[in-house]
Amino acid sequence: MNKTVNKIRFPDGREVDVQDVIAFLYGLSRSDVEVLHLLMCKGEKMSTDDLANSLKVTKASISKSINNLLYKGLINREKVTDDEKRKGRPAYLYWVVKEELYERVTQDMEKLAQLMKSEFKTHVALAVAVS
């Protein structure tokens, strides 16, 4: 899969990939980020088989990432309904609505920035009081 790399430059010149920032923000593994990225890039509903084949990993690995991404509200899921009664586990399709993901991530980043400002202000005040 062709992976686009978007870097963010910190004030001291260090650069970090946007996907690494998202991974840090939500506590995602590299596998989780790859699944999220694939769903974002494909822009269509995919099954665990589709995801496993595209990423060349096991379905078990995909299932773990899917569960984490669902739990964190970063992807959507839809149960596949067949006319015939299916035996075994139900099948699902997964996808990302890019606009919703963008809104979610930017809102969470803004909340984090506000929290960081508040906590750092408290930290500085305590450091001054101790001096």
C-alpha atoms as a PDB file:
ATOM      1  CA  MET A   1       0.000   0.000   0.000  1.00  0.00           C
ATOM      2  CA  ASN A   2       1.303   3.420  -0.907  1.00  0.00           C
ATOM      3  CA  LYS A   3       1.614   5.310   2.352  1.00  0.00           C
ATOM      4  CA  THR A   4       1.630   9.086   2.259  1.00  0.00           C
ATOM      5  CA  VAL A   5       3.807  10.573   4.967  1.00  0.00           C
ATOM      6  CA  ASN A   6       2.762  13.892   6.448  1.00  0.00           C
ATOM      7  CA  LYS A   7       5.164  15.390   8.964  1.00  0.00           C
ATOM      8  CA  ILE A   8       4.558  17.875  11.743  1.00  0.00           C
ATOM      9  CA  ARG A   9       7.524  20.064  12.688  1.00  0.00           C
ATOM     10  CA  PHE A  10       8.013  20.904  16.353  1.00  0.00           C
ATOM     11  CA  PRO A  11       9.416  24.311  17.397  1.00  0.00           C
ATOM     12  CA  ASP A  12      12.848  22.728  18.011  1.00  0.00           C
ATOM     13  CA  GLY A  13      12.949  21.333  14.452  1.00  0.00           C
ATOM     14  CA  ARG A  14      12.084  17.706  15.192  1.00  0.00           C
ATOM     15  CA  GLU A  15       9.571  16.156  12.815  1.00  0.00           C
ATOM     16  CA  VAL A  16       6.975  13.508  13.565  1.00  0.00           C
ATOM     17  CA  ASP A  17       4.563  11.679  11.262  1.00  0.00           C
ATOM     18  CA  VAL A  18       0.885  12.644  11.652  1.00  0.00           C
ATOM     19  CA  GLN A  19       0.026   8.954  12.078  1.00  0.00           C
ATOM     20  CA  ASP A  20       2.422   8.752  15.032  1.00  0.00           C
ATOM     21  CA  VAL A  21       0.623  11.679  16.653  1.00  0.00           C
ATOM     22  CA  ILE A  22      -2.751   9.955  16.154  1.00  0.00           C
ATOM     23  CA  ALA A  23      -1.289   6.718  17.542  1.00  0.00           C
ATOM     24  CA  PHE A  24      -0.073   8.584  20.642  1.00  0.00           C
ATOM     25  CA  LEU A  25      -3.339  10.508  21.079  1.00  0.00           C
ATOM     26  CA  TYR A  26      -5.480   7.350  21.088  1.00  0.00           C
ATOM     27  CA  GLY A  27      -2.986   4.757  22.325  1.00  0.00           C
ATOM     28  CA  LEU A  28      -2.954   2.876  19.023  1.00  0.00           C
ATOM     29  CA  SER A  29      -0.488   0.199  17.977  1.00  0.00           C
ATOM     30  CA  ARG A  30       1.304   0.301  14.618  1.00  0.00           C
ATOM     31  CA  SER A  31      -1.165  -2.366  13.386  1.00  0.00           C
ATOM     32  CA  ASP A  32      -4.139  -0.266  14.522  1.00  0.00           C
ATOM     33  CA  VAL A  33      -2.771   2.738  12.623  1.00  0.00           C
ATOM     34  CA  GLU A  34      -2.232   0.657   9.481  1.00  0.00           C
ATOM     35  CA  VAL A  35      -5.831  -0.610   9.578  1.00  0.00           C
ATOM     36  CA  LEU A  36      -7.164   2.912  10.182  1.00  0.00           C
ATOM     37  CA  HIS A  37      -5.004   4.300   7.366  1.00  0.00           C
ATOM     38  CA  LEU A  38      -6.144   1.605   4.924  1.00  0.00           C
ATOM     39  CA  LEU A  39      -9.813   2.203   5.718  1.00  0.00           C
ATOM     40  CA  MET A  40      -9.275   5.943   5.285  1.00  0.00           C
ATOM     41  CA  CYS A  41      -7.470   5.572   1.963  1.00  0.00           C
ATOM     42  CA  LYS A  42      -9.832   2.985   0.486  1.00  0.00           C
ATOM     43  CA  GLY A  43     -12.881   5.036   1.353  1.00  0.00           C
ATOM     44  CA  GLU A  44     -15.105   1.985   1.155  1.00  0.00           C
ATOM     45  CA  LYS A  45     -16.509  -0.696   3.420  1.00  0.00           C
ATOM     46  CA  MET A  46     -14.152  -3.608   3.961  1.00  0.00           C
ATOM     47  CA  SER A  47     -14.395  -7.001   5.645  1.00  0.00           C
ATOM     48  CA  THR A  48     -11.756  -8.467   7.920  1.00  0.00           C
ATOM     49  CA  ASP A  49     -10.772 -10.735   5.008  1.00  0.00           C
ATOM     50  CA  ASP A  50     -10.305  -7.697   2.747  1.00  0.00           C
ATOM     51  CA  LEU A  51      -8.228  -5.927   5.393  1.00  0.00           C
ATOM     52  CA  ALA A  52      -6.090  -9.000   6.133  1.00  0.00           C
ATOM     53  CA  ASN A  53      -5.417  -9.597   2.434  1.00  0.00           C
ATOM     54  CA  SER A  54      -4.568  -5.957   1.740  1.00  0.00           C
ATOM     55  CA  LEU A  55      -2.190  -5.682   4.699  1.00  0.00           C
ATOM     56  CA  LYS A  56      -0.861  -9.238   4.332  1.00  0.00           C
ATOM     57  CA  VAL A  57      -1.490 -10.109   7.975  1.00  0.00           C
ATOM     58  CA  THR A  58      -3.668 -12.626   9.804  1.00  0.00           C
ATOM     59  CA  LYS A  59      -7.361 -12.097  10.479  1.00  0.00           C
ATOM     60  CA  ALA A  60      -6.568 -12.399  14.199  1.00  0.00           C
ATOM     61  CA  SER A  61      -4.275  -9.369  13.934  1.00  0.00           C
ATOM     62  CA  ILE A  62      -6.972  -7.457  12.048  1.00  0.00           C
ATOM     63  CA  SER A  63      -9.638  -8.426  14.601  1.00  0.00           C
ATOM     64  CA  LYS A  64      -7.545  -7.088  17.471  1.00  0.00           C
ATOM     65  CA  SER A  65      -7.000  -3.764  15.693  1.00  0.00           C
ATOM     66  CA  ILE A  66     -10.647  -3.538  14.607  1.00  0.00           C
ATOM     67  CA  ASN A  67     -11.837  -4.080  18.179  1.00  0.00           C
ATOM     68  CA  ASN A  68      -9.505  -1.368  19.481  1.00  0.00           C
ATOM     69  CA  LEU A  69     -10.521   1.109  16.765  1.00  0.00           C
ATOM     70  CA  LEU A  70     -14.223   0.396  17.361  1.00  0.00           C
ATOM     71  CA  TYR A  71     -13.804   0.785  21.127  1.00  0.00           C
ATOM     72  CA  LYS A  72     -12.162   4.171  20.592  1.00  0.00           C
ATOM     73  CA  GLY A  73     -14.888   5.255  18.158  1.00  0.00           C
ATOM     74  CA  LEU A  74     -12.547   5.814  15.210  1.00  0.00           C
ATOM     75  CA  ILE A  75     -14.236   3.466  12.713  1.00  0.00           C
ATOM     76  CA  ASN A  76     -17.747   2.317  11.851  1.00  0.00           C
ATOM     77  CA  ARG A  77     -19.180  -1.189  11.646  1.00  0.00           C
ATOM     78  CA  GLU A  78     -22.150  -2.691   9.855  1.00  0.00           C
ATOM     79  CA  LYS A  79     -23.462  -6.239  10.168  1.00  0.00           C
ATOM     80  CA  VAL A  80     -23.681  -8.093   6.862  1.00  0.00           C
ATOM     81  CA  THR A  81     -27.122  -9.563   6.376  1.00  0.00           C
ATOM     82  CA  ASP A  82     -27.582 -12.485   4.022  1.00  0.00           C
ATOM     83  CA  ASP A  83     -30.825 -13.880   2.734  1.00  0.00           C
ATOM     84  CA  GLU A  84     -29.673 -17.306   3.873  1.00  0.00           C
ATOM     85  CA  LYS A  85     -29.174 -18.118   7.532  1.00  0.00           C
ATOM     86  CA  ARG A  86     -25.474 -17.886   8.171  1.00  0.00           C
ATOM     87  CA  LYS A  87     -23.826 -20.328  10.541  1.00  0.00           C
ATOM     88  CA  GLY A  88     -21.099 -19.232  12.904  1.00  0.00           C
ATOM     89  CA  ARG A  89     -20.115 -15.709  13.750  1.00  0.00           C
ATOM     90  CA  PRO A  90     -21.832 -12.804  12.026  1.00  0.00           C
ATOM     91  CA  ALA A  91     -19.874 -10.981   9.335  1.00  0.00           C
ATOM     92  CA  TYR A  92     -19.227  -7.241   9.500  1.00  0.00           C
ATOM     93  CA  LEU A  93     -17.996  -4.491   7.231  1.00  0.00           C
ATOM     94  CA  TYR A  94     -15.828  -1.652   8.515  1.00  0.00           C
ATOM     95  CA  TRP A  95     -15.231   1.848   7.213  1.00  0.00           C
ATOM     96  CA  VAL A  96     -14.177   5.381   8.069  1.00  0.00           C
ATOM     97  CA  VAL A  97     -16.147   8.534   7.346  1.00  0.00           C
ATOM     98  CA  LYS A  98     -13.241  10.882   6.681  1.00  0.00           C
ATOM     99  CA  GLU A  99     -15.062  14.061   7.691  1.00  0.00           C
ATOM    100  CA  GLU A 100     -16.183  12.516  11.000  1.00  0.00           C
ATOM    101  CA  LEU A 101     -12.679  11.234  11.738  1.00  0.00           C
ATOM    102  CA  TYR A 102     -11.189  14.651  10.945  1.00  0.00           C
ATOM    103  CA  GLU A 103     -13.674  16.382  13.267  1.00  0.00           C
ATOM    104  CA  ARG A 104     -13.060  13.844  16.033  1.00  0.00           C
ATOM    105  CA  VAL A 105      -9.278  14.087  15.877  1.00  0.00           C
ATOM    106  CA  THR A 106      -9.177  17.884  15.638  1.00  0.00           C
ATOM    107  CA  GLN A 107     -11.634  18.281  18.530  1.00  0.00           C
ATOM    108  CA  ASP A 108      -9.622  15.857  20.667  1.00  0.00           C
ATOM    109  CA  MET A 109      -6.386  17.687  19.795  1.00  0.00           C
ATOM    110  CA  GLU A 110      -7.965  21.013  20.791  1.00  0.00           C
ATOM    111  CA  LYS A 111      -9.162  19.520  24.105  1.00  0.00           C
ATOM    112  CA  LEU A 112      -5.672  18.146  24.718  1.00  0.00           C
ATOM    113  CA  ALA A 113      -4.087  21.534  23.988  1.00  0.00           C
ATOM    114  CA  GLN A 114      -6.449  23.276  26.433  1.00  0.00           C
ATOM    115  CA  LEU A 115      -5.804  20.642  29.093  1.00  0.00           C
ATOM    116  CA  MET A 116      -2.042  20.939  28.557  1.00  0.00           C
ATOM    117  CA  LYS A 117      -2.195  24.741  28.908  1.00  0.00           C
ATOM    118  CA  SER A 118      -4.194  24.467  32.123  1.00  0.00           C
ATOM    119  CA  GLU A 119      -2.008  21.760  33.655  1.00  0.00           C
ATOM    120  CA  PHE A 120       1.197  23.517  32.669  1.00  0.00           C
ATOM    121  CA  LYS A 121      -0.051  26.777  34.178  1.00  0.00           C
ATOM    122  CA  THR A 122      -0.714  24.910  37.452  1.00  0.00           C
ATOM    123  CA  HIS A 123       2.706  23.245  37.226  1.00  0.00           C
ATOM    124  CA  VAL A 124       4.471  26.573  36.740  1.00  0.00           C
ATOM    125  CA  ALA A 125       2.515  28.147  39.609  1.00  0.00           C
ATOM    126  CA  LEU A 126       3.513  25.284  41.921  1.00  0.00           C
ATOM    127  CA  ALA A 127       7.143  25.520  40.845  1.00  0.00           C
ATOM    128  CA  VAL A 128       7.141  29.255  41.641  1.00  0.00           C
ATOM    129  CA  ALA A 129       5.476  28.670  45.036  1.00  0.00           C
ATOM    130  CA  VAL A 130       8.094  26.048  45.985  1.00  0.00           C
ATOM    131  CA  SER A 131      11.043  28.271  45.050  1.00  0.00           C
END
